[in-house]
């Protein structure tokens, strides 16, 4: 089941472990956000992921902004240690 997050971003448990990706790609939103946080330019992102456009980058930033604006807290429930 695919969930549309916005016009450009979707999530599906069977694609990239359910992480948000850009529609029609396997490019995960976190990859773009991580590049931008590492001082890469939008042009650098577009070179790394030629299937994306500036609108995809804006959608990723908007998505990240909406998470913090609406007071969502993301908690990692994946355990790194074996029981």
PDB file of N, CA and C in Angstrom:
ATOM      1  N   UNK A   1       0.840  -1.182   0.000  1.00  0.00           N
ATOM      2  CA  UNK A   1       0.000   0.000   0.000  1.00  0.00           C
ATOM      3  C   UNK A   1       0.885   1.245   0.000  1.00  0.00           C
ATOM      4  N   UNK A   2       0.741   2.052  -1.010  1.00  0.00           N
ATOM      5  CA  UNK A   2       1.524   3.284  -1.121  1.00  0.00           C
ATOM      6  C   UNK A   2       0.778   4.437  -0.468  1.00  0.00           C
ATOM      7  N   UNK A   3       1.495   5.177   0.346  1.00  0.00           N
ATOM      8  CA  UNK A   3       0.938   6.356   1.012  1.00  0.00           C
ATOM      9  C   UNK A   3       1.563   7.590   0.376  1.00  0.00           C
ATOM     10  N   UNK A   4       0.726   8.478  -0.134  1.00  0.00           N
ATOM     11  CA  UNK A   4       1.217   9.728  -0.714  1.00  0.00           C
ATOM     12  C   UNK A   4       1.446  10.725   0.409  1.00  0.00           C
ATOM     13  N   UNK A   5       2.671  11.161   0.561  1.00  0.00           N
ATOM     14  CA  UNK A   5       2.999  12.154   1.583  1.00  0.00           C
ATOM     15  C   UNK A   5       2.775  13.553   1.027  1.00  0.00           C
ATOM     16  N   UNK A   6       3.186  13.750  -0.200  1.00  0.00           N
ATOM     17  CA  UNK A   6       2.865  14.969  -0.935  1.00  0.00           C
ATOM     18  C   UNK A   6       2.952  14.627  -2.421  1.00  0.00           C
ATOM     19  N   UNK A   7       2.915  15.597  -3.276  1.00  0.00           N
ATOM     20  CA  UNK A   7       2.881  15.348  -4.723  1.00  0.00           C
ATOM     21  C   UNK A   7       4.102  14.566  -5.216  1.00  0.00           C
ATOM     22  N   UNK A   8       5.229  14.711  -4.536  1.00  0.00           N
ATOM     23  CA  UNK A   8       6.473  14.117  -4.996  1.00  0.00           C
ATOM     24  C   UNK A   8       7.005  12.980  -4.118  1.00  0.00           C
ATOM     25  N   UNK A   9       6.476  12.839  -2.918  1.00  0.00           N
ATOM     26  CA  UNK A   9       7.023  11.876  -1.962  1.00  0.00           C
ATOM     27  C   UNK A   9       5.969  10.852  -1.572  1.00  0.00           C
ATOM     28  N   UNK A  10       6.384   9.587  -1.557  1.00  0.00           N
ATOM     29  CA  UNK A  10       5.493   8.484  -1.173  1.00  0.00           C
ATOM     30  C   UNK A  10       6.228   7.552  -0.217  1.00  0.00           C
ATOM     31  N   UNK A  11       5.469   6.705   0.447  1.00  0.00           N
ATOM     32  CA  UNK A  11       6.049   5.661   1.296  1.00  0.00           C
ATOM     33  C   UNK A  11       5.272   4.379   1.036  1.00  0.00           C
ATOM     34  N   UNK A  12       6.005   3.283   0.954  1.00  0.00           N
ATOM     35  CA  UNK A  12       5.407   1.977   0.722  1.00  0.00           C
ATOM     36  C   UNK A  12       6.270   0.959   1.459  1.00  0.00           C
ATOM     37  N   UNK A  13       5.672   0.137   2.331  1.00  0.00           N
ATOM     38  CA  UNK A  13       6.465  -0.828   3.100  1.00  0.00           C
ATOM     39  C   UNK A  13       7.312  -1.757   2.235  1.00  0.00           C
ATOM     40  N   UNK A  14       6.937  -1.968   0.978  1.00  0.00           N
ATOM     41  CA  UNK A  14       7.694  -2.878   0.117  1.00  0.00           C
ATOM     42  C   UNK A  14       8.780  -2.168  -0.706  1.00  0.00           C
ATOM     43  N   UNK A  15       8.934  -0.860  -0.511  1.00  0.00           N
ATOM     44  CA  UNK A  15       9.961  -0.101  -1.227  1.00  0.00           C
ATOM     45  C   UNK A  15      10.874   0.568  -0.204  1.00  0.00           C
ATOM     46  N   UNK A  16      12.132   0.238  -0.236  1.00  0.00           N
ATOM     47  CA  UNK A  16      13.126   0.845   0.665  1.00  0.00           C
ATOM     48  C   UNK A  16      12.706   0.776   2.131  1.00  0.00           C
ATOM     49  N   UNK A  17      12.154  -0.357   2.517  1.00  0.00           N
ATOM     50  CA  UNK A  17      11.747  -0.606   3.907  1.00  0.00           C
ATOM     51  C   UNK A  17      10.738   0.421   4.432  1.00  0.00           C
ATOM     52  N   UNK A  18       9.956   1.000   3.526  1.00  0.00           N
ATOM     53  CA  UNK A  18       8.921   1.944   3.935  1.00  0.00           C
ATOM     54  C   UNK A  18       9.397   3.363   4.144  1.00  0.00           C
ATOM     55  N   UNK A  19      10.673   3.610   3.921  1.00  0.00           N
ATOM     56  CA  UNK A  19      11.170   4.977   4.096  1.00  0.00           C
ATOM     57  C   UNK A  19      10.606   5.858   2.977  1.00  0.00           C
ATOM     58  N   UNK A  20      10.353   7.124   3.260  1.00  0.00           N
ATOM     59  CA  UNK A  20       9.844   8.017   2.219  1.00  0.00           C
ATOM     60  C   UNK A  20      10.822   8.122   1.048  1.00  0.00           C
ATOM     61  N   UNK A  21      10.283   7.950  -0.159  1.00  0.00           N
ATOM     62  CA  UNK A  21      11.067   8.050  -1.394  1.00  0.00           C
ATOM     63  C   UNK A  21      10.364   9.014  -2.339  1.00  0.00           C
ATOM     64  N   UNK A  22      11.090   9.437  -3.345  1.00  0.00           N
ATOM     65  CA  UNK A  22      10.475  10.274  -4.371  1.00  0.00           C
ATOM     66  C   UNK A  22       9.718   9.368  -5.325  1.00  0.00           C
ATOM     67  N   UNK A  23       8.482   9.744  -5.601  1.00  0.00           N
ATOM     68  CA  UNK A  23       7.591   8.941  -6.436  1.00  0.00           C
ATOM     69  C   UNK A  23       8.286   8.497  -7.724  1.00  0.00           C
ATOM     70  N   UNK A  24       8.175   7.188  -8.003  1.00  0.00           N
ATOM     71  CA  UNK A  24       8.732   6.634  -9.217  1.00  0.00           C
ATOM     72  C   UNK A  24      10.224   6.354  -9.152  1.00  0.00           C
ATOM     73  N   UNK A  25      10.836   6.545  -7.970  1.00  0.00           N
ATOM     74  CA  UNK A  25      12.270   6.303  -7.804  1.00  0.00           C
ATOM     75  C   UNK A  25      12.495   5.471  -6.538  1.00  0.00           C
ATOM     76  N   UNK A  26      13.733   5.105  -6.320  1.00  0.00           N
ATOM     77  CA  UNK A  26      14.139   4.494  -5.063  1.00  0.00           C
ATOM     78  C   UNK A  26      15.071   5.456  -4.308  1.00  0.00           C
ATOM     79  N   UNK A  27      15.015   6.732  -4.671  1.00  0.00           N
ATOM     80  CA  UNK A  27      15.809   7.754  -3.996  1.00  0.00           C
ATOM     81  C   UNK A  27      15.068   8.141  -2.722  1.00  0.00           C
ATOM     82  N   UNK A  28      15.727   7.923  -1.597  1.00  0.00           N
ATOM     83  CA  UNK A  28      15.093   8.219  -0.309  1.00  0.00           C
ATOM     84  C   UNK A  28      15.257   9.697   0.045  1.00  0.00           C
ATOM     85  N   UNK A  29      14.223  10.232   0.653  1.00  0.00           N
ATOM     86  CA  UNK A  29      14.206  11.647   1.016  1.00  0.00           C
ATOM     87  C   UNK A  29      15.385  11.980   1.920  1.00  0.00           C
ATOM     88  N   UNK A  30      15.711  11.095   2.856  1.00  0.00           N
ATOM     89  CA  UNK A  30      16.814  11.389   3.774  1.00  0.00           C
ATOM     90  C   UNK A  30      18.125  11.594   3.026  1.00  0.00           C
ATOM     91  N   UNK A  31      18.302  10.940   1.875  1.00  0.00           N
ATOM     92  CA  UNK A  31      19.547  11.098   1.126  1.00  0.00           C
ATOM     93  C   UNK A  31      19.719  12.536   0.640  1.00  0.00           C
ATOM     94  N   UNK A  32      18.650  13.115   0.158  1.00  0.00           N
ATOM     95  CA  UNK A  32      18.688  14.500  -0.317  1.00  0.00           C
ATOM     96  C   UNK A  32      18.878  15.455   0.857  1.00  0.00           C
ATOM     97  N   UNK A  33      18.140  15.232   1.934  1.00  0.00           N
ATOM     98  CA  UNK A  33      18.270  16.104   3.100  1.00  0.00           C
ATOM     99  C   UNK A  33      19.673  16.025   3.692  1.00  0.00           C
ATOM    100  N   UNK A  34      20.246  14.842   3.719  1.00  0.00           N
ATOM    101  CA  UNK A  34      21.606  14.681   4.239  1.00  0.00           C
ATOM    102  C   UNK A  34      22.614  15.423   3.374  1.00  0.00           C
ATOM    103  N   UNK A  35      22.454  15.351   2.064  1.00  0.00           N
ATOM    104  CA  UNK A  35      23.355  16.085   1.180  1.00  0.00           C
ATOM    105  C   UNK A  35      23.264  17.587   1.422  1.00  0.00           C
ATOM    106  N   UNK A  36      22.037  18.084   1.545  1.00  0.00           N
ATOM    107  CA  UNK A  36      21.859  19.520   1.776  1.00  0.00           C
ATOM    108  C   UNK A  36      22.436  19.937   3.121  1.00  0.00           C
ATOM    109  N   UNK A  37      22.302  19.091   4.128  1.00  0.00           N
ATOM    110  CA  UNK A  37      22.842  19.427   5.452  1.00  0.00           C
ATOM    111  C   UNK A  37      24.370  19.373   5.465  1.00  0.00           C
ATOM    112  N   UNK A  38      24.946  18.688   4.488  1.00  0.00           N
ATOM    113  CA  UNK A  38      26.402  18.608   4.364  1.00  0.00           C
ATOM    114  C   UNK A  38      26.934  19.696   3.426  1.00  0.00           C
ATOM    115  N   UNK A  39      26.153  20.753   3.267  1.00  0.00           N
ATOM    116  CA  UNK A  39      26.540  21.912   2.453  1.00  0.00           C
ATOM    117  C   UNK A  39      26.650  21.628   0.964  1.00  0.00           C
ATOM    118  N   UNK A  40      26.002  20.567   0.487  1.00  0.00           N
ATOM    119  CA  UNK A  40      25.916  20.340  -0.951  1.00  0.00           C
ATOM    120  C   UNK A  40      24.848  21.277  -1.495  1.00  0.00           C
ATOM    121  N   UNK A  41      25.001  21.707  -2.709  1.00  0.00           N
ATOM    122  CA  UNK A  41      24.034  22.613  -3.323  1.00  0.00           C
ATOM    123  C   UNK A  41      22.924  21.805  -3.986  1.00  0.00           C
ATOM    124  N   UNK A  42      21.799  22.455  -4.285  1.00  0.00           N
ATOM    125  CA  UNK A  42      20.764  21.761  -5.058  1.00  0.00           C
ATOM    126  C   UNK A  42      21.314  21.214  -6.376  1.00  0.00           C
ATOM    127  N   UNK A  43      22.236  21.934  -7.003  1.00  0.00           N
ATOM    128  CA  UNK A  43      22.837  21.443  -8.247  1.00  0.00           C
ATOM    129  C   UNK A  43      23.617  20.151  -8.004  1.00  0.00           C
ATOM    130  N   UNK A  44      24.289  20.051  -6.855  1.00  0.00           N
ATOM    131  CA  UNK A  44      25.005  18.821  -6.500  1.00  0.00           C
ATOM    132  C   UNK A  44      24.020  17.656  -6.354  1.00  0.00           C
ATOM    133  N   UNK A  45      22.902  17.924  -5.717  1.00  0.00           N
ATOM    134  CA  UNK A  45      21.872  16.898  -5.522  1.00  0.00           C
ATOM    135  C   UNK A  45      21.350  16.429  -6.876  1.00  0.00           C
ATOM    136  N   UNK A  46      21.072  17.364  -7.746  1.00  0.00           N
ATOM    137  CA  UNK A  46      20.536  17.011  -9.058  1.00  0.00           C
ATOM    138  C   UNK A  46      21.547  16.239  -9.902  1.00  0.00           C
ATOM    139  N   UNK A  47      22.817  16.523  -9.726  1.00  0.00           N
ATOM    140  CA  UNK A  47      23.849  15.744 -10.424  1.00  0.00           C
ATOM    141  C   UNK A  47      23.911  14.321  -9.866  1.00  0.00           C
ATOM    142  N   UNK A  48      23.769  14.189  -8.556  1.00  0.00           N
ATOM    143  CA  UNK A  48      23.833  12.866  -7.921  1.00  0.00           C
ATOM    144  C   UNK A  48      22.598  12.031  -8.246  1.00  0.00           C
ATOM    145  N   UNK A  49      21.464  12.694  -8.393  1.00  0.00           N
ATOM    146  CA  UNK A  49      20.190  12.012  -8.648  1.00  0.00           C
ATOM    147  C   UNK A  49      19.511  12.667  -9.853  1.00  0.00           C
ATOM    148  N   UNK A  50      19.915  12.307 -11.068  1.00  0.00           N
ATOM    149  CA  UNK A  50      19.420  12.991 -12.271  1.00  0.00           C
ATOM    150  C   UNK A  50      17.921  12.845 -12.522  1.00  0.00           C
ATOM    151  N   UNK A  51      17.258  11.913 -11.846  1.00  0.00           N
ATOM    152  CA  UNK A  51      15.808  11.773 -12.039  1.00  0.00           C
ATOM    153  C   UNK A  51      15.024  12.818 -11.246  1.00  0.00           C
ATOM    154  N   UNK A  52      15.705  13.530 -10.357  1.00  0.00           N
ATOM    155  CA  UNK A  52      15.018  14.524  -9.534  1.00  0.00           C
ATOM    156  C   UNK A  52      15.077  15.906 -10.173  1.00  0.00           C
ATOM    157  N   UNK A  53      14.185  16.774  -9.697  1.00  0.00           N
ATOM    158  CA  UNK A  53      14.146  18.171 -10.130  1.00  0.00           C
ATOM    159  C   UNK A  53      14.203  19.068  -8.895  1.00  0.00           C
ATOM    160  N   UNK A  54      14.276  20.364  -9.113  1.00  0.00           N
ATOM    161  CA  UNK A  54      14.257  21.311  -7.997  1.00  0.00           C
ATOM    162  C   UNK A  54      12.963  21.173  -7.197  1.00  0.00           C
ATOM    163  N   UNK A  55      11.884  20.798  -7.852  1.00  0.00           N
ATOM    164  CA  UNK A  55      10.609  20.621  -7.144  1.00  0.00           C
ATOM    165  C   UNK A  55      10.686  19.456  -6.164  1.00  0.00           C
ATOM    166  N   UNK A  56      11.443  18.429  -6.502  1.00  0.00           N
ATOM    167  CA  UNK A  56      11.633  17.309  -5.575  1.00  0.00           C
ATOM    168  C   UNK A  56      12.390  17.777  -4.327  1.00  0.00           C
ATOM    169  N   UNK A  57      13.426  18.582  -4.544  1.00  0.00           N
ATOM    170  CA  UNK A  57      14.205  19.106  -3.414  1.00  0.00           C
ATOM    171  C   UNK A  57      13.319  19.963  -2.519  1.00  0.00           C
ATOM    172  N   UNK A  58      12.525  20.821  -3.109  1.00  0.00           N
ATOM    173  CA  UNK A  58      11.600  21.661  -2.334  1.00  0.00           C
ATOM    174  C   UNK A  58      10.610  20.806  -1.564  1.00  0.00           C
ATOM    175  N   UNK A  59      10.122  19.739  -2.182  1.00  0.00           N
ATOM    176  CA  UNK A  59       9.171  18.844  -1.512  1.00  0.00           C
ATOM    177  C   UNK A  59       9.824  18.175  -0.309  1.00  0.00           C
ATOM    178  N   UNK A  60      11.096  17.811  -0.428  1.00  0.00           N
ATOM    179  CA  UNK A  60      11.809  17.190   0.688  1.00  0.00           C
ATOM    180  C   UNK A  60      11.968  18.175   1.846  1.00  0.00           C
ATOM    181  N   UNK A  61      12.340  19.401   1.529  1.00  0.00           N
ATOM    182  CA  UNK A  61      12.492  20.413   2.571  1.00  0.00           C
ATOM    183  C   UNK A  61      11.152  20.735   3.225  1.00  0.00           C
ATOM    184  N   UNK A  62      10.111  20.808   2.416  1.00  0.00           N
ATOM    185  CA  UNK A  62       8.777  21.069   2.947  1.00  0.00           C
ATOM    186  C   UNK A  62       8.343  19.939   3.878  1.00  0.00           C
ATOM    187  N   UNK A  63       8.611  18.703   3.486  1.00  0.00           N
ATOM    188  CA  UNK A  63       8.265  17.542   4.301  1.00  0.00           C
ATOM    189  C   UNK A  63       9.003  17.595   5.642  1.00  0.00           C
ATOM    190  N   UNK A  64      10.307  17.844   5.613  1.00  0.00           N
ATOM    191  CA  UNK A  64      11.089  17.926   6.846  1.00  0.00           C
ATOM    192  C   UNK A  64      10.587  19.062   7.731  1.00  0.00           C
ATOM    193  N   UNK A  65      10.273  20.182   7.126  1.00  0.00           N
ATOM    194  CA  UNK A  65       9.756  21.314   7.873  1.00  0.00           C
ATOM    195  C   UNK A  65       8.418  20.995   8.528  1.00  0.00           C
ATOM    196  N   UNK A  66       7.557  20.313   7.791  1.00  0.00           N
ATOM    197  CA  UNK A  66       6.230  20.000   8.338  1.00  0.00           C
ATOM    198  C   UNK A  66       6.322  19.058   9.524  1.00  0.00           C
ATOM    199  N   UNK A  67       7.316  18.164   9.535  1.00  0.00           N
ATOM    200  CA  UNK A  67       7.462  17.249  10.666  1.00  0.00           C
ATOM    201  C   UNK A  67       7.765  18.006  11.947  1.00  0.00           C
ATOM    202  N   UNK A  68       8.660  18.972  11.871  1.00  0.00           N
ATOM    203  CA  UNK A  68       9.013  19.705  13.078  1.00  0.00           C
ATOM    204  C   UNK A  68       7.970  20.759  13.425  1.00  0.00           C
ATOM    205  N   UNK A  69       7.348  21.338  12.416  1.00  0.00           N
ATOM    206  CA  UNK A  69       6.335  22.363  12.659  1.00  0.00           C
ATOM    207  C   UNK A  69       5.139  21.785  13.409  1.00  0.00           C
ATOM    208  N   UNK A  70       4.786  20.552  13.094  1.00  0.00           N
ATOM    209  CA  UNK A  70       3.610  19.928  13.706  1.00  0.00           C
ATOM    210  C   UNK A  70       3.957  19.132  14.960  1.00  0.00           C
ATOM    211  N   UNK A  71       5.174  19.350  15.470  1.00  0.00           N
ATOM    212  CA  UNK A  71       5.630  18.732  16.710  1.00  0.00           C
ATOM    213  C   UNK A  71       5.698  17.213  16.663  1.00  0.00           C
ATOM    214  N   UNK A  72       5.928  16.646  15.484  1.00  0.00           N
ATOM    215  CA  UNK A  72       6.117  15.201  15.408  1.00  0.00           C
ATOM    216  C   UNK A  72       7.488  14.852  15.966  1.00  0.00           C
ATOM    217  N   UNK A  73       7.537  13.771  16.697  1.00  0.00           N
ATOM    218  CA  UNK A  73       8.797  13.270  17.204  1.00  0.00           C
ATOM    219  C   UNK A  73       9.007  11.899  16.588  1.00  0.00           C
ATOM    220  N   UNK A  74      10.138  11.710  15.944  1.00  0.00           N
ATOM    221  CA  UNK A  74      10.448  10.442  15.312  1.00  0.00           C
ATOM    222  C   UNK A  74      11.373   9.674  16.246  1.00  0.00           C
ATOM    223  N   UNK A  75      10.960   8.486  16.606  1.00  0.00           N
ATOM    224  CA  UNK A  75      11.739   7.657  17.511  1.00  0.00           C
ATOM    225  C   UNK A  75      12.182   6.402  16.761  1.00  0.00           C
ATOM    226  N   UNK A  76      13.462   6.094  16.840  1.00  0.00           N
ATOM    227  CA  UNK A  76      13.990   4.892  16.215  1.00  0.00           C
ATOM    228  C   UNK A  76      13.656   3.705  17.110  1.00  0.00           C
ATOM    229  N   UNK A  77      12.826   2.823  16.601  1.00  0.00           N
ATOM    230  CA  UNK A  77      12.438   1.645  17.385  1.00  0.00           C
ATOM    231  C   UNK A  77      13.249   0.418  16.994  1.00  0.00           C
ATOM    232  N   UNK A  78      14.204   0.595  16.085  1.00  0.00           N
ATOM    233  CA  UNK A  78      15.057  -0.498  15.656  1.00  0.00           C
ATOM    234  C   UNK A  78      16.185  -0.659  16.662  1.00  0.00           C
ATOM    235  N   UNK A  79      16.285  -1.844  17.227  1.00  0.00           N
ATOM    236  CA  UNK A  79      17.309  -2.111  18.223  1.00  0.00           C
ATOM    237  C   UNK A  79      18.616  -2.475  17.531  1.00  0.00           C
ATOM    238  N   UNK A  80      19.690  -1.822  17.909  1.00  0.00           N
ATOM    239  CA  UNK A  80      21.006  -2.111  17.356  1.00  0.00           C
ATOM    240  C   UNK A  80      21.674  -3.309  18.038  1.00  0.00           C
ATOM    241  N   UNK A  81      21.185  -3.686  19.198  1.00  0.00           N
ATOM    242  CA  UNK A  81      21.792  -4.795  19.928  1.00  0.00           C
ATOM    243  C   UNK A  81      20.879  -5.995  19.950  1.00  0.00           C
ATOM    244  N   UNK A  82      21.459  -7.164  19.943  1.00  0.00           N
ATOM    245  CA  UNK A  82      20.662  -8.400  20.014  1.00  0.00           C
ATOM    246  C   UNK A  82      20.301  -8.675  21.466  1.00  0.00           C
ATOM    247  N   UNK A  83      19.131  -9.225  21.659  1.00  0.00           N
ATOM    248  CA  UNK A  83      18.676  -9.512  23.028  1.00  0.00           C
ATOM    249  C   UNK A  83      19.349 -10.738  23.592  1.00  0.00           C
TER     250      UNK A  83
END
